[in-house]
Amino acid sequence: MDALSSSQVTCYLGCSLQYKFRYIDKLPKPFRGAAMAFGSSIHAAVEWFHRERMERRAATVENVISMFLADWYAQTVEPLVFSKDESKELLAEKGEAMLRVYVEAAAAAAVPSAVEERFSVGLVDVESWEELGVDLHGVIDLVESDGTVVDLKTVGRSFDVVGLERHLQLSIYALAVFVRDGTIPKLRIDALLKTKVPRLERYETVRTPADLAWTAQLIASVARAIDQEQFFPNPSWRCTECEYYAQCTVWRGR
C-alpha cells in the first residue's frame, strides 16, 4: 500500500472488513447513517462561513444556517438511517441551534489562515527519519492564524482526557505538519455538542516527537496489513449503523 488517507487509516483500525468493502470492493451503500450525513452538513456550513471570513466578506448566522439547510436537504435525498428520537426535521432544528452557538464563538476569534487544507507527505519515522514507503494525505478542517490545527466534531457528549491524548486524527494531522514544516503544531478539538441545549467545547492537546513516531509506525503497520489482505470484522455497537452490515453477516473469511 503506497498511499493512505487519514480517513482510510481510521476506517481500517475501526473495522478492517468495512475498509475492504468500502475502499477495495467499492460496494454500493444501500443507506447512510444520519449522524454522518448531519455532520457533513454542519462541516459544509462551517467551511463556507470561514471561507467568507477569509475573503473579508460578511457572513451572518442566518447565511450560515441557510447553507446548512441547503446541504442537509441534499443529504436527505438519499436513504438515511436515523437513530431513536431523531428525524430529518428534528436534526434540521438541532443543526440551526448548534450553528448559532458555533458562529457566535468563532466570529469573535481571529480570521483563520486556512480551511479544509489538503496535505500530502511521504511518511517517515520522525525519530530515525527512516522513510516508511507510504504517502500520507488528508484534509485539515481549520488552521488558526497562530498555526493551531483544529478538528471540528459534532458529538453527543464531552470528550474524556484519555481519548483526547490518544485521538488518532489529531496525531495524524500533527505528524503531517511536522514532516511538511518541521514544527509540531498546537492542536485543538472543537466539539459541537448535540445536547438538548447545544454548546461548543474546545479541547487543547499536544503531541511529542515520540507520539508522532508511534503514529507513523502505526500507519506503516496498517499499510502492511492491507498489502497482506488482513481483513476481518470488528463486532461492536457501530455494526447497526454500518452500511455493509448485510454483507458482513455472510462473511466467512474470504
Protein backbone atom coordinates (compact mmCIF):
# COMPACT_ATOMS: atom_id res chain seq x y z
CA MET A 1 0.00 0.00 0.00
CA ASP A 2 1.85 3.11 -1.17
CA ALA A 3 -0.71 5.78 -0.18
CA LEU A 4 -3.22 6.18 2.64
CA SER A 5 -5.52 8.94 3.80
CA SER A 6 -6.24 9.74 7.42
CA SER A 7 -9.83 8.53 6.96
CA GLN A 8 -8.63 5.24 5.47
CA VAL A 9 -6.34 4.61 8.44
CA THR A 10 -9.17 5.34 10.87
CA CYS A 11 -11.58 3.13 8.93
CA TYR A 12 -9.17 0.18 8.82
CA LEU A 13 -8.44 0.36 12.54
CA GLY A 14 -12.16 0.61 13.31
CA CYS A 15 -13.09 -2.39 11.16
CA SER A 16 -10.76 -3.79 8.53
CA LEU A 17 -13.60 -5.64 6.77
CA GLN A 18 -15.50 -2.37 6.40
CA TYR A 19 -12.32 -0.92 4.87
CA LYS A 20 -12.25 -3.74 2.33
CA PHE A 21 -15.92 -3.32 1.40
CA ARG A 22 -15.55 0.47 1.08
CA TYR A 23 -12.15 1.05 -0.49
CA ILE A 24 -11.25 -2.18 -2.26
CA ASP A 25 -14.53 -3.82 -3.29
CA LYS A 26 -16.24 -0.40 -3.59
CA LEU A 27 -19.60 -1.95 -2.73
CA PRO A 28 -22.67 0.27 -3.19
CA LYS A 29 -24.17 1.63 0.02
CA PRO A 30 -27.88 0.86 0.46
CA PHE A 31 -28.17 3.62 3.06
CA ARG A 32 -26.16 6.12 5.07
CA GLY A 33 -26.16 6.86 8.76
CA ALA A 34 -27.99 10.10 9.51
CA ALA A 35 -25.33 11.13 12.03
CA MET A 36 -22.63 11.06 9.37
CA ALA A 37 -24.78 12.99 6.89
CA PHE A 38 -25.65 15.53 9.58
CA GLY A 39 -22.00 16.04 10.44
CA SER A 40 -21.18 16.58 6.76
CA SER A 41 -23.82 19.31 6.52
CA ILE A 42 -22.51 21.06 9.64
CA HIS A 43 -18.97 20.91 8.24
CA ALA A 44 -20.12 22.32 4.89
CA ALA A 45 -21.75 25.30 6.57
CA VAL A 46 -18.76 25.95 8.85
CA GLU A 47 -16.37 25.71 5.90
CA TRP A 48 -18.42 28.29 3.96
CA PHE A 49 -18.50 30.57 6.99
CA HIS A 50 -14.72 30.58 7.39
CA ARG A 51 -14.07 30.99 3.68
CA GLU A 52 -16.28 34.05 3.69
CA ARG A 53 -14.33 35.42 6.66
CA MET A 54 -11.01 34.78 4.90
CA GLU A 55 -12.30 36.74 1.90
CA ARG A 56 -13.30 39.57 4.27
CA ARG A 57 -16.96 39.17 3.37
CA ALA A 58 -19.73 39.47 5.95
CA ALA A 59 -21.38 36.17 6.82
CA THR A 60 -24.32 36.31 9.21
CA VAL A 61 -25.52 33.37 11.25
CA GLU A 62 -28.64 33.30 9.09
CA ASN A 63 -26.44 32.92 6.00
CA VAL A 64 -24.62 30.02 7.65
CA ILE A 65 -27.90 28.35 8.62
CA SER A 66 -29.16 28.70 5.05
CA MET A 67 -26.04 26.92 3.78
CA PHE A 68 -26.58 24.16 6.32
CA LEU A 69 -30.25 23.67 5.44
CA ALA A 70 -29.49 23.53 1.72
CA ASP A 71 -26.80 20.90 2.26
CA TRP A 72 -28.97 18.96 4.73
CA TYR A 73 -31.79 18.86 2.18
CA ALA A 74 -29.37 17.41 -0.39
CA GLN A 75 -28.07 14.87 2.14
CA THR A 76 -31.58 13.64 2.97
CA VAL A 77 -32.43 12.92 -0.67
CA GLU A 78 -30.56 9.62 -0.30
CA PRO A 79 -31.77 6.94 2.15
CA LEU A 80 -30.71 7.69 5.71
CA VAL A 81 -30.99 5.62 8.87
CA PHE A 82 -31.97 7.70 11.90
CA SER A 83 -31.34 6.73 15.50
CA LYS A 84 -34.11 6.66 18.06
CA ASP A 85 -35.82 10.02 18.67
CA GLU A 86 -34.21 11.58 15.56
CA SER A 87 -35.76 12.68 12.28
CA LYS A 88 -34.96 14.87 9.32
CA GLU A 89 -36.90 17.77 10.84
CA LEU A 90 -35.51 17.43 14.37
CA LEU A 91 -31.92 17.32 13.12
CA ALA A 92 -32.55 20.39 10.97
CA GLU A 93 -33.68 22.27 14.10
CA LYS A 94 -30.74 20.91 16.08
CA GLY A 95 -28.31 21.98 13.37
CA GLU A 96 -29.65 25.52 13.38
CA ALA A 97 -29.23 25.79 17.16
CA MET A 98 -25.72 24.31 17.06
CA LEU A 99 -24.57 26.67 14.33
CA ARG A 100 -25.84 29.69 16.24
CA VAL A 101 -23.60 28.63 19.12
CA TYR A 102 -20.63 27.99 16.83
CA VAL A 103 -20.85 31.21 14.83
CA GLU A 104 -21.20 33.34 17.97
CA ALA A 105 -18.00 31.84 19.39
CA ALA A 106 -16.00 31.74 16.14
CA ALA A 107 -16.89 35.23 14.94
CA ALA A 108 -15.05 36.75 17.91
CA ALA A 109 -11.82 34.90 17.07
CA ALA A 110 -9.14 35.89 14.57
CA VAL A 111 -9.67 35.01 10.93
CA PRO A 112 -8.17 31.55 10.24
CA SER A 113 -5.24 31.09 7.89
CA ALA A 114 -6.66 28.00 6.17
CA VAL A 115 -9.85 25.95 5.97
CA GLU A 116 -10.13 22.43 4.59
CA GLU A 117 -6.37 22.45 3.99
CA ARG A 118 -5.14 19.46 1.99
CA PHE A 119 -1.82 17.81 2.77
CA SER A 120 0.27 15.08 1.19
CA VAL A 121 3.59 13.96 2.67
CA GLY A 122 5.91 10.99 2.48
CA LEU A 123 5.63 9.07 5.75
CA VAL A 124 8.75 8.94 7.91
CA ASP A 125 9.64 7.84 11.41
CA VAL A 126 10.33 11.26 12.93
CA GLU A 127 12.82 9.84 15.46
CA SER A 128 15.06 8.00 12.99
CA TRP A 129 13.86 9.81 9.84
CA GLU A 130 13.55 6.44 8.16
CA GLU A 131 11.34 6.62 5.08
CA LEU A 132 8.42 4.23 5.53
CA GLY A 133 7.33 3.93 1.90
CA VAL A 134 3.83 5.33 2.30
CA ASP A 135 2.37 8.65 1.18
CA LEU A 136 0.00 10.14 3.74
CA HIS A 137 -2.71 12.56 2.68
CA GLY A 138 -5.81 14.15 4.11
CA VAL A 139 -7.65 17.37 4.87
CA ILE A 140 -7.32 19.54 7.99
CA ASP A 141 -10.60 21.20 8.99
CA LEU A 142 -9.16 24.50 10.15
CA VAL A 143 -5.82 26.19 10.78
CA GLU A 144 -5.99 29.19 13.10
CA SER A 145 -4.00 32.38 12.50
CA ASP A 146 -1.39 31.23 15.05
CA GLY A 147 -0.99 27.83 13.33
CA THR A 148 -3.21 25.84 15.69
CA VAL A 149 -4.64 22.81 13.90
CA VAL A 150 -8.35 22.37 14.65
CA ASP A 151 -10.57 19.34 14.10
CA LEU A 152 -14.31 20.03 14.27
CA LYS A 153 -16.53 17.28 15.66
CA THR A 154 -20.29 17.04 16.06
CA VAL A 155 -20.72 14.77 19.06
CA GLY A 156 -23.28 13.70 21.61
CA ARG A 157 -21.13 14.06 24.72
CA SER A 158 -17.95 15.64 26.04
CA PHE A 159 -14.51 14.22 25.30
CA ASP A 160 -12.55 12.43 28.00
CA VAL A 161 -8.91 13.34 28.65
CA VAL A 162 -7.51 9.93 27.70
CA GLY A 163 -9.43 9.93 24.44
CA LEU A 164 -8.07 13.36 23.62
CA GLU A 165 -4.47 12.36 24.27
CA ARG A 166 -4.84 9.33 22.01
CA HIS A 167 -7.01 10.96 19.36
CA LEU A 168 -5.59 9.44 16.17
CA GLN A 169 -6.82 12.04 13.69
CA LEU A 170 -5.11 14.86 15.58
CA SER A 171 -1.93 12.77 15.77
CA ILE A 172 -2.02 12.23 12.00
CA TYR A 173 -2.51 15.95 11.38
CA ALA A 174 0.38 16.83 13.70
CA LEU A 175 2.59 14.23 12.02
CA ALA A 176 1.81 15.59 8.55
CA VAL A 177 2.50 19.19 9.57
CA PHE A 178 5.76 18.19 11.30
CA VAL A 179 7.02 16.27 8.26
CA ARG A 180 5.99 19.12 5.95
CA ASP A 181 7.03 22.16 8.00
CA GLY A 182 9.42 20.86 10.65
CA THR A 183 7.33 22.04 13.60
CA ILE A 184 4.74 20.31 15.76
CA PRO A 185 1.58 22.44 15.72
CA LYS A 186 -0.71 23.21 18.61
CA LEU A 187 -3.78 21.02 18.43
CA ARG A 188 -7.41 21.53 19.34
CA ILE A 189 -10.72 19.78 19.01
CA ASP A 190 -13.81 21.94 18.67
CA ALA A 191 -16.63 19.71 19.88
CA LEU A 192 -20.06 20.95 18.87
CA LEU A 193 -22.39 19.03 21.16
CA LYS A 194 -25.80 17.77 20.02
CA THR A 195 -27.17 18.15 23.53
CA LYS A 196 -30.62 19.48 24.43
CA VAL A 197 -29.02 22.90 24.77
CA PRO A 198 -26.16 22.82 22.21
CA ARG A 199 -22.76 24.01 23.32
CA LEU A 200 -19.25 24.33 21.94
CA GLU A 201 -16.42 22.78 23.94
CA ARG A 202 -12.80 23.35 22.98
CA TYR A 203 -10.04 20.94 23.99
CA GLU A 204 -6.36 21.70 23.52
CA THR A 205 -3.77 18.94 23.42
CA VAL A 206 -0.15 18.38 22.44
CA ARG A 207 1.96 15.74 20.75
CA THR A 208 5.64 14.93 21.28
CA PRO A 209 8.10 13.58 18.69
CA ALA A 210 7.72 10.19 20.37
CA ASP A 211 3.95 10.38 19.87
CA LEU A 212 4.44 11.15 16.18
CA ALA A 213 6.97 8.32 15.73
CA TRP A 214 4.42 5.94 17.26
CA THR A 215 1.73 7.25 14.89
CA ALA A 216 4.00 6.88 11.85
CA GLN A 217 4.76 3.25 12.68
CA LEU A 218 1.06 2.56 13.25
CA ILE A 219 0.20 3.90 9.79
CA ALA A 220 3.03 1.86 8.24
CA SER A 221 1.68 -1.24 10.00
CA VAL A 222 -1.80 -0.57 8.61
CA ALA A 223 -0.31 -0.30 5.10
CA ARG A 224 1.47 -3.65 5.53
CA ALA A 225 -1.68 -5.33 6.83
CA ILE A 226 -3.65 -4.10 3.80
CA ASP A 227 -0.97 -5.42 1.45
CA GLN A 228 -1.21 -8.78 3.24
CA GLU A 229 -5.02 -8.73 2.79
CA GLN A 230 -5.73 -8.92 6.50
CA PHE A 231 -9.44 -8.10 6.59
CA PHE A 232 -11.85 -9.23 9.30
CA PRO A 233 -14.89 -7.79 11.12
CA ASN A 234 -14.77 -5.95 14.42
CA PRO A 235 -18.21 -6.52 16.02
CA SER A 236 -19.35 -3.57 18.12
CA TRP A 237 -22.25 -1.19 18.72
CA ARG A 238 -21.30 0.52 15.44
CA CYS A 239 -22.46 -2.50 13.42
CA THR A 240 -26.12 -1.43 13.46
CA GLU A 241 -25.17 1.83 11.71
CA CYS A 242 -22.81 0.21 9.18
CA GLU A 243 -23.81 0.36 5.52
CA TYR A 244 -22.24 -3.05 4.95
CA TYR A 245 -23.99 -4.93 7.74
CA ALA A 246 -25.74 -7.32 5.34
CA GLN A 247 -22.52 -8.20 3.53
CA CYS A 248 -20.71 -8.66 6.85
CA THR A 249 -23.25 -11.22 8.11
CA VAL A 250 -22.49 -13.53 5.19
CA TRP A 251 -18.71 -13.12 5.55
CA ARG A 252 -16.91 -16.45 6.04
CA GLY A 253 -13.29 -15.45 5.91
CA ARG A 254 -12.97 -14.58 2.22
